[in-house]
Amino acid sequence: MQEKLMKITKKQKTGLILCAIVILAIYVAFTVYFGLFMSNAREQSFLDHKNRMDITKVEVKYPPQKPNFNEVKVGSYLENIHNVSIADSTFSADLYIWFSWLGNKDLNPGETFQVIGGKMDSKELSSEHYLDDGNNYQRYKITVTLDKVFDTTRFSLEDHMLNIYIEDKKNDGGALNYVVDDNSAISSRVKIPGYRVTNFQNVVKPHEYKSTFSSPNANGLNRVFSQYAIAISMNRTDWSFYFKIFFPYLLSVALGLIVLWTKPDLIDARTGLGGASFFGVVANAYVVNSLVPANGGTFGLLDILTLSSLISVFLIVVASILSYNFYRRQEKPELSMVFDKVVFFSITVGYLLLSLILPFCTYLNT
């Protein structure tokens, strides 16, 4: 290698240095831009989850209380989360939910509650008490399946908040308000494959529908109901899933880089391996994109990995053609071989830099 460098002119050395700078600049620019993009997405996700359960952010107010107004204390015990499917935008949960109130036992809030944004797969009354002093209590065990639009921008290193919303389907906020029972909790047995549960919250807040439902007693106002909201926060356990996705991309790019160590005049073999690398990246992109909604329309971490890998393979193929030109047509074999090594190390360093910095900008370690 030292002998080959000695045979290269000063002008050629300058060209090689500029080539390395340009390639590295491309990857540095990608790293900075997409690193900031992922970091902003992470912070926005954190704020969205925080605001979703912050009752001080709710501007809606309950309607005036009606003569038959009741307060009902509501609580829950989350027993299990299962069938979390990002691709299908759904998840299911098993939980106990209970209601306690004073006064009229015929209020029966356990009969009139509903799940918003999903369906109740099963509902079983497990306990009820109606005492002479006016204290009433009902507890149900339910299984629900909820629709959930998962944010896949940071998929493979993302965090999510699963929400279960409960409302009374008969009485609006003027007739019935929920109050949180502080005895609500989540079972320590709740496990979600690939994630760890980081927080459990439950709040009550007014929920406004953008319609009067043409109700004769709405007085021209949009209907507002008392909503009991449960939140389960979950975060990726570690980087292992990211590396499972990244490793095939790395192998495809590595296969392309190998050609830069072959003889420059083997142009057919070089472009052939480059094509194989290209289709390896595309095939892996097809597989990993099946893990997220097909019509999600979100540009994210998976797309960055695909884009950076395709650009790397493209640069390798272009370098192979230029190297062949130096070797065969310009008859500068020393320049050709040194050029191959410069491109090899520049792409290797740049690609690894981007691929390893991105997780730090993406992952929310809570």
Protein backbone atom coordinates (compact mmCIF):
# COMPACT_ATOMS: atom_id res chain seq x y z
CA MET A 1 0.00 0.00 0.00
CA GLN A 2 2.87 2.36 0.85
CA GLU A 3 4.49 1.67 -2.52
CA LYS A 4 1.26 2.47 -4.34
CA LEU A 5 0.95 5.76 -2.47
CA MET A 6 4.46 6.70 -3.53
CA LYS A 7 3.47 6.37 -7.18
CA ILE A 8 0.46 8.68 -6.85
CA THR A 9 0.89 12.32 -7.78
CA LYS A 10 0.17 15.17 -5.39
CA LYS A 11 -2.85 16.18 -7.45
CA GLN A 12 -4.25 12.63 -7.25
CA LYS A 13 -3.71 12.57 -3.49
CA THR A 14 -5.64 15.81 -3.18
CA GLY A 15 -8.45 14.29 -5.23
CA LEU A 16 -8.54 11.22 -2.96
CA ILE A 17 -8.71 13.40 0.16
CA LEU A 18 -11.55 15.42 -1.34
CA CYS A 19 -13.35 12.20 -2.25
CA ALA A 20 -13.11 10.96 1.36
CA ILE A 21 -14.29 14.35 2.67
CA VAL A 22 -17.30 14.40 0.34
CA ILE A 23 -18.36 10.86 1.29
CA LEU A 24 -17.94 11.51 5.00
CA ALA A 25 -19.75 14.84 4.66
CA ILE A 26 -22.75 13.05 3.17
CA TYR A 27 -22.94 10.70 6.15
CA VAL A 28 -22.30 13.45 8.70
CA ALA A 29 -25.08 15.53 7.15
CA PHE A 30 -27.41 12.53 7.28
CA THR A 31 -26.41 11.84 10.88
CA VAL A 32 -27.03 15.41 12.04
CA TYR A 33 -30.29 15.87 10.14
CA PHE A 34 -31.86 12.51 10.96
CA GLY A 35 -30.44 12.54 14.48
CA LEU A 36 -32.24 15.81 15.17
CA PHE A 37 -35.35 14.47 13.43
CA MET A 38 -35.42 11.40 15.69
CA SER A 39 -34.64 13.44 18.79
CA ASN A 40 -37.52 15.82 18.05
CA ALA A 41 -39.85 12.88 17.42
CA ARG A 42 -38.83 11.40 20.78
CA GLU A 43 -39.48 14.66 22.63
CA GLN A 44 -42.81 15.17 20.85
CA SER A 45 -43.90 11.66 21.81
CA PHE A 46 -43.02 12.37 25.45
CA LEU A 47 -45.05 15.61 25.43
CA ASP A 48 -48.02 14.00 23.68
CA HIS A 49 -48.18 11.24 26.27
CA LYS A 50 -47.83 13.70 29.14
CA ASN A 51 -50.54 16.03 27.81
CA ARG A 52 -52.93 13.17 27.10
CA MET A 53 -53.27 12.44 30.82
CA ASP A 54 -52.91 16.01 32.08
CA ILE A 55 -56.36 17.18 33.19
CA THR A 56 -55.11 20.77 33.46
CA LYS A 57 -54.75 20.82 29.65
CA VAL A 58 -58.45 20.13 29.14
CA GLU A 59 -60.36 23.28 28.22
CA VAL A 60 -63.78 21.61 28.06
CA LYS A 61 -66.11 22.17 31.01
CA TYR A 62 -68.98 20.05 32.25
CA PRO A 63 -72.53 21.26 31.56
CA PRO A 64 -74.65 22.59 34.46
CA GLN A 65 -75.59 19.90 36.93
CA LYS A 66 -79.06 18.45 36.57
CA PRO A 67 -81.44 17.81 39.54
CA ASN A 68 -80.64 14.09 39.44
CA PHE A 69 -76.84 14.63 39.36
CA ASN A 70 -74.66 11.82 40.79
CA GLU A 71 -70.98 11.32 41.48
CA VAL A 72 -69.63 7.81 40.95
CA LYS A 73 -66.22 6.72 42.15
CA VAL A 74 -64.59 4.50 39.53
CA GLY A 75 -61.42 2.43 39.73
CA SER A 76 -59.67 -0.35 37.86
CA TYR A 77 -57.20 -3.16 38.26
CA LEU A 78 -55.38 -4.04 35.04
CA GLU A 79 -54.75 -7.76 34.98
CA ASN A 80 -53.29 -8.37 31.52
CA ILE A 81 -52.32 -6.76 28.21
CA HIS A 82 -52.23 -9.06 25.20
CA ASN A 83 -52.41 -9.15 21.42
CA VAL A 84 -50.54 -5.88 21.01
CA SER A 85 -50.32 -5.55 17.22
CA ILE A 86 -48.65 -2.49 15.77
CA ALA A 87 -49.33 -3.69 12.22
CA ASP A 88 -53.08 -4.13 12.93
CA SER A 89 -53.32 -1.04 15.18
CA THR A 90 -55.03 -2.90 18.02
CA PHE A 91 -54.44 -4.27 21.51
CA SER A 92 -56.51 -6.15 24.09
CA ALA A 93 -56.71 -5.98 27.86
CA ASP A 94 -58.26 -7.86 30.78
CA LEU A 95 -59.21 -5.74 33.76
CA TYR A 96 -61.50 -5.30 36.72
CA ILE A 97 -63.50 -2.10 36.89
CA TRP A 98 -65.65 -1.06 39.82
CA PHE A 99 -68.14 1.66 40.68
CA SER A 100 -69.19 2.96 44.09
CA TRP A 101 -71.75 5.65 44.79
CA LEU A 102 -74.18 6.99 47.38
CA GLY A 103 -77.91 7.12 47.00
CA ASN A 104 -80.11 5.62 44.36
CA LYS A 105 -79.10 2.03 43.70
CA ASP A 106 -81.11 2.08 40.47
CA LEU A 107 -78.45 4.37 38.95
CA ASN A 108 -76.65 1.16 37.96
CA PRO A 109 -73.47 2.65 36.34
CA GLY A 110 -72.12 -0.84 35.73
CA GLU A 111 -74.92 -1.48 33.29
CA THR A 112 -74.52 1.75 31.33
CA PHE A 113 -70.76 2.16 30.95
CA GLN A 114 -69.11 1.67 27.56
CA VAL A 115 -65.61 1.48 26.07
CA ILE A 116 -64.71 4.32 23.71
CA GLY A 117 -62.64 3.54 20.61
CA GLY A 118 -63.01 -0.20 20.81
CA LYS A 119 -65.29 -3.01 21.85
CA MET A 120 -66.03 -5.02 24.96
CA ASP A 121 -65.36 -8.69 24.22
CA SER A 122 -66.73 -9.91 27.54
CA LYS A 123 -68.35 -8.40 30.62
CA GLU A 124 -69.00 -10.30 33.83
CA LEU A 125 -70.47 -8.95 37.07
CA SER A 126 -68.22 -10.36 39.79
CA SER A 127 -69.52 -8.51 42.85
CA GLU A 128 -72.29 -6.11 43.90
CA HIS A 129 -73.44 -4.62 47.19
CA TYR A 130 -76.35 -2.31 48.00
CA LEU A 131 -76.21 -1.33 51.67
CA ASP A 132 -78.90 0.16 53.87
CA ASP A 133 -76.79 3.26 54.53
CA GLY A 134 -76.95 4.14 50.83
CA ASN A 135 -73.50 2.88 49.83
CA ASN A 136 -73.60 0.97 46.55
CA TYR A 137 -70.88 -1.02 44.82
CA GLN A 138 -70.48 -2.97 41.58
CA ARG A 139 -67.40 -4.72 40.20
CA TYR A 140 -67.05 -6.16 36.71
CA LYS A 141 -64.39 -8.18 34.98
CA ILE A 142 -64.11 -7.18 31.34
CA THR A 143 -62.02 -7.98 28.30
CA VAL A 144 -61.67 -5.19 25.76
CA THR A 145 -60.10 -4.78 22.34
CA LEU A 146 -59.08 -1.22 21.47
CA ASP A 147 -58.08 0.53 18.27
CA LYS A 148 -54.73 2.26 18.66
CA VAL A 149 -52.87 4.31 16.07
CA PHE A 150 -49.26 3.55 16.98
CA ASP A 151 -46.63 6.16 16.18
CA THR A 152 -44.10 4.20 14.10
CA THR A 153 -41.68 7.08 13.46
CA ARG A 154 -39.19 5.56 15.93
CA PHE A 155 -40.25 1.94 15.44
CA SER A 156 -37.86 -0.62 16.95
CA LEU A 157 -36.76 1.92 19.62
CA GLU A 158 -40.10 3.58 20.32
CA ASP A 159 -42.36 4.03 23.33
CA HIS A 160 -46.16 3.99 23.41
CA MET A 161 -49.06 4.86 25.66
CA LEU A 162 -51.98 2.42 25.58
CA ASN A 163 -55.25 4.03 26.61
CA ILE A 164 -58.59 2.63 27.72
CA TYR A 165 -61.45 5.13 27.80
CA ILE A 166 -64.65 4.48 29.77
CA GLU A 167 -67.84 6.59 29.60
CA ASP A 168 -71.45 6.28 30.65
CA LYS A 169 -73.50 5.83 27.50
CA LYS A 170 -76.72 7.10 29.06
CA ASN A 171 -75.87 9.98 31.39
CA ASP A 172 -73.87 13.00 30.24
CA GLY A 173 -71.65 15.17 32.41
CA GLY A 174 -74.62 17.11 33.74
CA ALA A 175 -76.15 13.96 35.21
CA LEU A 176 -73.12 11.89 36.18
CA ASN A 177 -69.48 12.58 36.92
CA TYR A 178 -66.84 9.96 37.52
CA VAL A 179 -64.31 10.39 40.34
CA VAL A 180 -61.01 8.47 40.38
CA ASP A 181 -60.60 5.77 43.01
CA ASP A 182 -57.01 5.92 44.28
CA ASN A 183 -57.00 2.15 44.81
CA SER A 184 -56.61 1.58 41.07
CA ALA A 185 -53.50 -0.41 40.17
CA ILE A 186 -51.79 -2.63 37.63
CA SER A 187 -50.75 -6.23 38.20
CA SER A 188 -47.04 -6.96 38.45
CA ARG A 189 -47.70 -9.87 36.09
CA VAL A 190 -48.52 -7.58 33.15
CA LYS A 191 -45.87 -8.25 30.50
CA ILE A 192 -45.72 -7.01 26.92
CA PRO A 193 -43.21 -8.86 24.68
CA GLY A 194 -40.38 -6.56 23.62
CA TYR A 195 -41.43 -3.77 25.99
CA ARG A 196 -41.36 -2.93 29.65
CA VAL A 197 -44.27 -1.24 31.40
CA THR A 198 -43.00 2.06 32.81
CA ASN A 199 -46.11 3.70 34.24
CA PHE A 200 -49.80 3.26 35.04
CA GLN A 201 -52.17 6.24 35.34
CA ASN A 202 -55.87 6.87 35.58
CA VAL A 203 -57.69 10.20 35.45
CA VAL A 204 -61.19 11.56 34.90
CA LYS A 205 -61.78 14.41 32.49
CA PRO A 206 -64.66 15.89 30.48
CA HIS A 207 -64.93 14.60 26.92
CA GLU A 208 -66.70 16.79 24.39
CA TYR A 209 -68.36 15.42 21.27
CA LYS A 210 -68.47 17.94 18.43
CA SER A 211 -72.22 17.54 18.09
CA THR A 212 -75.44 18.06 20.03
CA PHE A 213 -76.64 14.65 18.74
CA SER A 214 -79.85 16.64 18.04
CA SER A 215 -80.83 15.96 21.65
CA PRO A 216 -83.88 18.02 22.73
CA ASN A 217 -82.30 18.71 26.15
CA ALA A 218 -78.87 19.71 24.81
CA ASN A 219 -79.86 23.40 24.65
CA GLY A 220 -77.77 23.80 21.50
CA LEU A 221 -74.57 22.75 23.27
CA ASN A 222 -72.23 19.96 22.24
CA ARG A 223 -72.61 16.89 24.42
CA VAL A 224 -70.01 16.50 27.17
CA PHE A 225 -69.54 13.24 29.07
CA SER A 226 -67.39 12.33 32.05
CA GLN A 227 -64.60 10.07 30.83
CA TYR A 228 -62.45 7.70 32.88
CA ALA A 229 -59.09 7.27 31.16
CA ILE A 230 -56.53 4.57 31.88
CA ALA A 231 -52.99 4.85 30.53
CA ILE A 232 -50.30 2.19 30.34
CA SER A 233 -46.92 3.55 29.28
CA MET A 234 -44.44 1.13 27.72
CA ASN A 235 -40.95 1.47 26.36
CA ARG A 236 -38.69 -0.82 24.33
CA THR A 237 -36.70 -3.02 26.69
CA ASP A 238 -33.36 -2.29 25.01
CA TRP A 239 -31.69 -1.95 21.61
CA SER A 240 -31.85 -5.64 20.75
CA PHE A 241 -34.83 -5.37 18.38
CA TYR A 242 -33.16 -2.47 16.58
CA PHE A 243 -30.05 -4.54 15.97
CA LYS A 244 -32.14 -7.49 14.74
CA ILE A 245 -33.54 -5.17 12.08
CA PHE A 246 -30.24 -3.40 11.40
CA PHE A 247 -28.06 -6.51 11.05
CA PRO A 248 -29.43 -7.62 7.61
CA TYR A 249 -28.91 -4.06 6.33
CA LEU A 250 -25.35 -4.16 7.64
CA LEU A 251 -24.68 -7.49 5.92
CA SER A 252 -26.03 -6.19 2.60
CA VAL A 253 -23.79 -3.12 2.74
CA ALA A 254 -20.83 -5.26 3.86
CA LEU A 255 -21.38 -7.54 0.86
CA GLY A 256 -21.14 -4.49 -1.38
CA LEU A 257 -18.01 -3.22 0.38
CA ILE A 258 -16.24 -6.52 -0.23
CA VAL A 259 -16.07 -5.73 -3.96
CA LEU A 260 -13.68 -2.86 -3.20
CA TRP A 261 -11.08 -5.46 -2.18
CA THR A 262 -11.30 -7.35 -5.48
CA LYS A 263 -9.29 -6.55 -8.59
CA PRO A 264 -10.61 -3.37 -10.24
CA ASP A 265 -10.83 -5.00 -13.67
CA LEU A 266 -13.41 -7.56 -12.41
CA ILE A 267 -16.15 -5.12 -13.26
CA ASP A 268 -18.83 -7.77 -13.88
CA ALA A 269 -18.27 -9.35 -10.47
CA ARG A 270 -18.19 -5.94 -8.80
CA THR A 271 -21.43 -4.66 -10.31
CA GLY A 272 -23.03 -8.09 -9.79
CA LEU A 273 -22.28 -8.03 -6.06
CA GLY A 274 -23.46 -4.43 -5.94
CA GLY A 275 -26.76 -5.46 -7.46
CA ALA A 276 -27.07 -8.33 -4.99
CA SER A 277 -26.46 -5.87 -2.14
CA PHE A 278 -29.12 -3.53 -3.53
CA PHE A 279 -31.75 -6.26 -3.69
CA GLY A 280 -30.71 -7.47 -0.22
CA VAL A 281 -31.52 -4.01 1.16
CA VAL A 282 -34.84 -3.89 -0.69
CA ALA A 283 -35.82 -7.38 0.48
CA ASN A 284 -35.03 -6.53 4.10
CA ALA A 285 -37.00 -3.29 3.81
CA TYR A 286 -39.98 -5.26 2.55
CA VAL A 287 -39.79 -7.63 5.53
CA VAL A 288 -39.40 -4.98 8.25
CA ASN A 289 -42.11 -2.75 6.76
CA SER A 290 -44.57 -5.62 7.19
CA LEU A 291 -44.23 -5.05 10.95
CA VAL A 292 -45.87 -1.61 10.73
CA PRO A 293 -49.18 -0.48 9.17
CA ALA A 294 -48.98 -0.60 5.37
CA ASN A 295 -50.69 2.78 5.00
CA GLY A 296 -48.99 4.45 7.97
CA GLY A 297 -47.42 7.10 5.76
CA THR A 298 -44.83 8.02 8.41
CA PHE A 299 -41.20 8.55 7.49
CA GLY A 300 -39.17 7.10 10.30
CA LEU A 301 -36.24 5.08 11.56
CA LEU A 302 -36.88 2.11 9.26
CA ASP A 303 -36.89 4.38 6.22
CA ILE A 304 -33.66 6.04 7.32
CA LEU A 305 -31.94 2.66 7.61
CA THR A 306 -33.21 1.69 4.17
CA LEU A 307 -32.25 5.01 2.59
CA SER A 308 -28.75 5.10 4.08
CA SER A 309 -28.12 1.48 3.02
CA LEU A 310 -29.31 2.11 -0.55
CA ILE A 311 -27.14 5.23 -0.83
CA SER A 312 -24.16 3.27 0.51
CA VAL A 313 -24.63 0.55 -2.11
CA PHE A 314 -25.07 3.20 -4.81
CA LEU A 315 -21.79 4.88 -3.82
CA ILE A 316 -20.05 1.49 -3.89
CA VAL A 317 -21.26 0.74 -7.42
CA VAL A 318 -20.29 4.23 -8.64
CA ALA A 319 -16.85 3.83 -7.03
CA SER A 320 -16.41 0.44 -8.72
CA ILE A 321 -17.11 1.95 -12.12
CA LEU A 322 -14.72 4.86 -11.49
CA SER A 323 -12.07 2.49 -10.22
CA TYR A 324 -12.40 0.36 -13.36
CA ASN A 325 -11.98 3.50 -15.44
CA PHE A 326 -8.75 4.39 -13.58
CA TYR A 327 -7.44 0.85 -13.88
CA ARG A 328 -8.31 -0.07 -17.45
CA ARG A 329 -8.87 3.06 -19.49
CA GLN A 330 -6.52 5.53 -17.81
CA GLU A 331 -4.03 2.77 -16.98
CA LYS A 332 -3.48 3.97 -13.43
CA PRO A 333 -3.65 0.76 -11.39
CA GLU A 334 -2.06 2.29 -8.29
CA LEU A 335 -4.61 5.12 -8.22
CA SER A 336 -7.41 2.62 -8.77
CA MET A 337 -6.43 0.43 -5.83
CA VAL A 338 -5.86 3.32 -3.43
CA PHE A 339 -9.17 4.85 -4.52
CA ASP A 340 -10.93 1.59 -3.64
CA LYS A 341 -9.49 1.64 -0.12
CA VAL A 342 -10.33 5.32 0.44
CA VAL A 343 -13.93 4.71 -0.59
CA PHE A 344 -14.09 1.53 1.49
CA PHE A 345 -12.98 3.18 4.75
CA SER A 346 -14.99 6.36 4.12
CA ILE A 347 -18.27 4.49 3.57
CA THR A 348 -17.57 2.08 6.45
CA VAL A 349 -16.90 4.87 8.93
CA GLY A 350 -19.79 7.02 7.68
CA TYR A 351 -22.35 4.21 7.60
CA LEU A 352 -21.44 2.93 11.07
CA LEU A 353 -21.44 6.48 12.44
CA LEU A 354 -24.98 7.07 11.20
CA SER A 355 -26.28 3.66 12.28
CA LEU A 356 -24.89 3.90 15.81
CA ILE A 357 -25.67 7.57 16.52
CA LEU A 358 -29.32 7.22 15.47
CA PRO A 359 -30.29 4.88 18.36
CA PHE A 360 -28.93 7.35 20.91
CA CYS A 361 -31.12 10.07 19.41
CA THR A 362 -34.16 7.81 19.12
CA TYR A 363 -34.34 5.75 22.30
CA LEU A 364 -36.16 7.12 25.37
CA ASN A 365 -34.60 5.46 28.39
CA THR A 366 -37.10 5.84 31.24
